[in-house]
Amino acid sequence: MRRPFLFWGFKSSQQMLDSRLGSLERDVLGLVWERGDSSVREVCGQLESNVAYTTVMTTMDRLFKKGLLARRKVGRAFVYSATATRNELEGAVAAELVQGLLQRGGNEPLPILSSLVDAVSERDRALLDDLERLIREKRRAIDRSDRGAPDAAPRSASGGQGSPE
C-alpha cells in the first residue's frame, strides 16, 4: 500500500494558536479559563514563574485588545474573563484554517474534503459517524433557514450548497 504524502510544514489549529500567542499570554489565558473571572493580582499569584505584576497587567491588557479577554472595572482594578472557551477558540482557528484551504483550492474543494474524510476515518470510525451526523444537522438547519424558520442556524461562508439528503 502506498504511503500518503504528508506536508510537514502544516500546523494544527493548536500550533497556529500557540504561534499567535506568547507563552505568558497562553499561561494567563489558561488560568482565566480554569479560574473564571480573575484580577491581575489573582493571576499573578497563580503563575508558576515569578512574573512582575506590571508584566501580567500588560499581558492581560494585550489579551483584552486581541479580543480574547473581556474586562470590567471593580473598584480600582479590572476583573477579566475569557470571551470564548478553549474549545470555541480552537474551533475558530480550525474553521479559519479550513476556510483558507477551501479558498486556495480554487473551484475544486473535493480533494480537500476527501482528505478530511480520510483523516477522520483513519483516526476513528465513531468520529466518521459524528461527521456524518454533523452534516445531516447542518443540512436540516440550512433547510429551515431556506424556509425562513426563526430558530435556523445561519448559512456557512460557503453558502451551504450541496445536494439534499
Protein backbone atom coordinates (compact mmCIF):
# COMPACT_ATOMS: atom_id res chain seq x y z
CA MET A 1 0.00 0.00 0.00
CA ARG A 2 1.30 3.43 -0.93
CA ARG A 3 2.09 5.73 1.97
CA PRO A 4 0.25 9.08 1.75
CA PHE A 5 2.21 12.25 1.16
CA LEU A 6 2.39 14.38 4.30
CA PHE A 7 3.12 18.07 4.23
CA TRP A 8 5.45 18.53 7.20
CA GLY A 9 5.13 22.31 7.33
CA PHE A 10 1.41 22.14 8.09
CA LYS A 11 0.36 23.37 11.52
CA SER A 12 -2.57 22.14 13.58
CA SER A 13 -5.09 24.62 14.94
CA GLN A 14 -3.41 24.33 18.35
CA GLN A 15 0.02 25.07 16.85
CA MET A 16 -1.43 28.03 14.96
CA LEU A 17 -2.97 29.34 18.18
CA ASP A 18 0.31 28.82 20.02
CA SER A 19 2.21 30.77 17.37
CA ARG A 20 -0.21 33.70 17.64
CA LEU A 21 0.14 33.97 21.42
CA GLY A 22 3.24 34.30 23.53
CA SER A 23 3.92 31.76 26.28
CA LEU A 24 2.85 34.17 29.04
CA GLU A 25 -0.33 35.02 27.11
CA ARG A 26 -1.11 31.29 26.82
CA ASP A 27 -0.43 30.78 30.55
CA VAL A 28 -2.61 33.74 31.54
CA LEU A 29 -5.45 32.71 29.22
CA GLY A 30 -5.23 29.15 30.57
CA LEU A 31 -5.57 30.43 34.14
CA VAL A 32 -8.57 32.59 33.24
CA TRP A 33 -10.20 29.58 31.55
CA GLU A 34 -9.50 27.49 34.62
CA ARG A 35 -10.47 30.04 37.30
CA GLY A 36 -13.10 32.16 35.57
CA ASP A 37 -13.24 35.88 36.41
CA SER A 38 -9.76 36.94 37.55
CA SER A 39 -7.92 40.09 38.52
CA VAL A 40 -4.31 40.77 37.61
CA ARG A 41 -3.29 40.13 41.23
CA GLU A 42 -5.06 36.76 41.29
CA VAL A 43 -3.46 35.64 38.03
CA CYS A 44 -0.06 36.91 39.18
CA GLY A 45 -0.37 34.79 42.33
CA GLN A 46 -1.26 31.67 40.33
CA LEU A 47 1.54 31.82 37.77
CA GLU A 48 4.29 29.29 38.40
CA SER A 49 7.06 31.64 37.33
CA ASN A 50 7.93 34.82 39.19
CA VAL A 51 6.49 37.44 36.83
CA ALA A 52 6.14 41.10 37.76
CA TYR A 53 2.63 42.42 38.42
CA THR A 54 3.04 45.07 35.70
CA THR A 55 4.07 42.41 33.16
CA VAL A 56 0.93 40.37 33.92
CA MET A 57 -1.16 43.57 33.74
CA THR A 58 0.29 44.41 30.31
CA THR A 59 -0.23 40.83 29.12
CA MET A 60 -3.88 40.82 30.22
CA ASP A 61 -4.40 44.19 28.54
CA ARG A 62 -2.94 42.77 25.30
CA LEU A 63 -5.29 39.78 25.52
CA PHE A 64 -8.16 42.24 26.06
CA LYS A 65 -7.09 44.23 22.97
CA LYS A 66 -6.87 41.00 20.95
CA GLY A 67 -10.48 40.24 21.94
CA LEU A 68 -9.61 37.13 23.94
CA LEU A 69 -10.44 38.65 27.34
CA ALA A 70 -13.27 40.94 28.41
CA ARG A 71 -12.90 43.20 31.43
CA ARG A 72 -14.96 45.21 33.84
CA LYS A 73 -13.91 47.69 36.49
CA VAL A 74 -14.39 46.54 40.09
CA GLY A 75 -13.19 49.21 42.48
CA ARG A 76 -9.83 50.37 41.19
CA ALA A 77 -8.95 47.15 39.39
CA PHE A 78 -10.13 45.33 36.30
CA VAL A 79 -11.58 41.84 36.51
CA TYR A 80 -11.02 39.83 33.35
CA SER A 81 -12.99 36.95 31.85
CA ALA A 82 -12.47 34.86 28.73
CA THR A 83 -14.57 35.86 25.74
CA ALA A 84 -14.60 32.25 24.48
CA THR A 85 -13.91 28.80 25.87
CA ARG A 86 -10.75 26.93 24.90
CA ASN A 87 -12.82 24.70 22.59
CA GLU A 88 -14.52 27.69 20.96
CA LEU A 89 -11.20 29.38 20.34
CA GLU A 90 -9.57 26.25 18.92
CA GLY A 91 -12.70 25.66 16.81
CA ALA A 92 -12.49 29.20 15.42
CA VAL A 93 -8.83 28.70 14.49
CA ALA A 94 -9.66 25.36 12.85
CA ALA A 95 -12.59 26.92 10.96
CA GLU A 96 -10.34 29.71 9.72
CA LEU A 97 -7.79 27.13 8.59
CA VAL A 98 -10.40 25.12 6.67
CA GLN A 99 -11.84 28.28 5.08
CA GLY A 100 -8.34 29.24 3.97
CA LEU A 101 -7.75 25.81 2.44
CA LEU A 102 -11.09 25.89 0.62
CA GLN A 103 -10.42 29.37 -0.77
CA ARG A 104 -6.97 28.36 -2.03
CA GLY A 105 -8.41 25.25 -3.62
CA GLY A 106 -9.90 27.26 -6.46
CA ASN A 107 -13.05 25.75 -7.90
CA GLU A 108 -12.33 22.20 -6.75
CA PRO A 109 -12.82 21.68 -2.99
CA LEU A 110 -13.35 17.92 -3.38
CA PRO A 111 -9.69 16.90 -2.78
CA ILE A 112 -9.67 18.89 0.49
CA LEU A 113 -12.97 17.41 1.63
CA SER A 114 -11.81 13.94 0.62
CA SER A 115 -8.63 14.39 2.67
CA LEU A 116 -10.71 15.45 5.67
CA VAL A 117 -12.89 12.35 5.40
CA ASP A 118 -9.79 10.15 5.03
CA ALA A 119 -8.15 11.70 8.08
CA VAL A 120 -11.29 11.32 10.16
CA SER A 121 -11.88 7.72 9.12
CA GLU A 122 -8.26 6.72 9.77
CA ARG A 123 -8.50 8.08 13.29
CA ASP A 124 -11.79 6.66 14.48
CA ARG A 125 -14.89 5.09 12.93
CA ALA A 126 -17.09 6.80 15.57
CA LEU A 127 -15.62 10.15 14.53
CA LEU A 128 -16.70 9.43 10.97
CA ASP A 129 -20.21 8.76 12.28
CA ASP A 130 -20.05 12.10 14.14
CA LEU A 131 -19.04 13.85 10.93
CA GLU A 132 -21.99 12.29 9.12
CA ARG A 133 -24.35 13.40 11.92
CA LEU A 134 -22.98 16.95 11.78
CA ILE A 135 -23.55 17.06 8.03
CA ARG A 136 -27.19 15.94 8.48
CA GLU A 137 -27.73 18.56 11.20
CA LYS A 138 -26.22 21.31 9.05
CA ARG A 139 -28.44 20.34 6.10
CA ARG A 140 -31.53 20.45 8.33
CA ALA A 141 -30.51 23.89 9.63
CA ILE A 142 -30.00 25.14 6.06
CA ASP A 143 -33.39 23.73 5.03
CA ARG A 144 -35.04 25.55 7.99
CA SER A 145 -33.20 28.72 7.02
CA ASP A 146 -34.40 28.41 3.43
CA ARG A 147 -37.98 28.10 4.75
CA GLY A 148 -37.44 31.18 6.95
CA ALA A 149 -37.66 29.46 10.35
CA PRO A 150 -36.64 31.86 13.13
CA ASP A 151 -34.53 29.27 15.01
CA ALA A 152 -32.46 28.31 11.99
CA ALA A 153 -28.69 28.42 12.05
CA PRO A 154 -27.02 30.89 9.67
CA ARG A 155 -25.58 29.64 6.39
CA SER A 156 -21.90 28.86 6.28
CA ALA A 157 -19.46 31.09 4.44
CA SER A 158 -19.51 28.62 1.55
CA GLY A 159 -23.21 29.31 1.05
CA GLY A 160 -24.27 25.89 2.27
CA GLN A 161 -24.53 24.50 -1.25
CA GLY A 162 -24.85 20.79 -1.65
CA SER A 163 -27.27 18.07 -2.55
CA PRO A 164 -30.31 17.39 -0.33
CA GLU A 165 -30.41 14.34 1.93
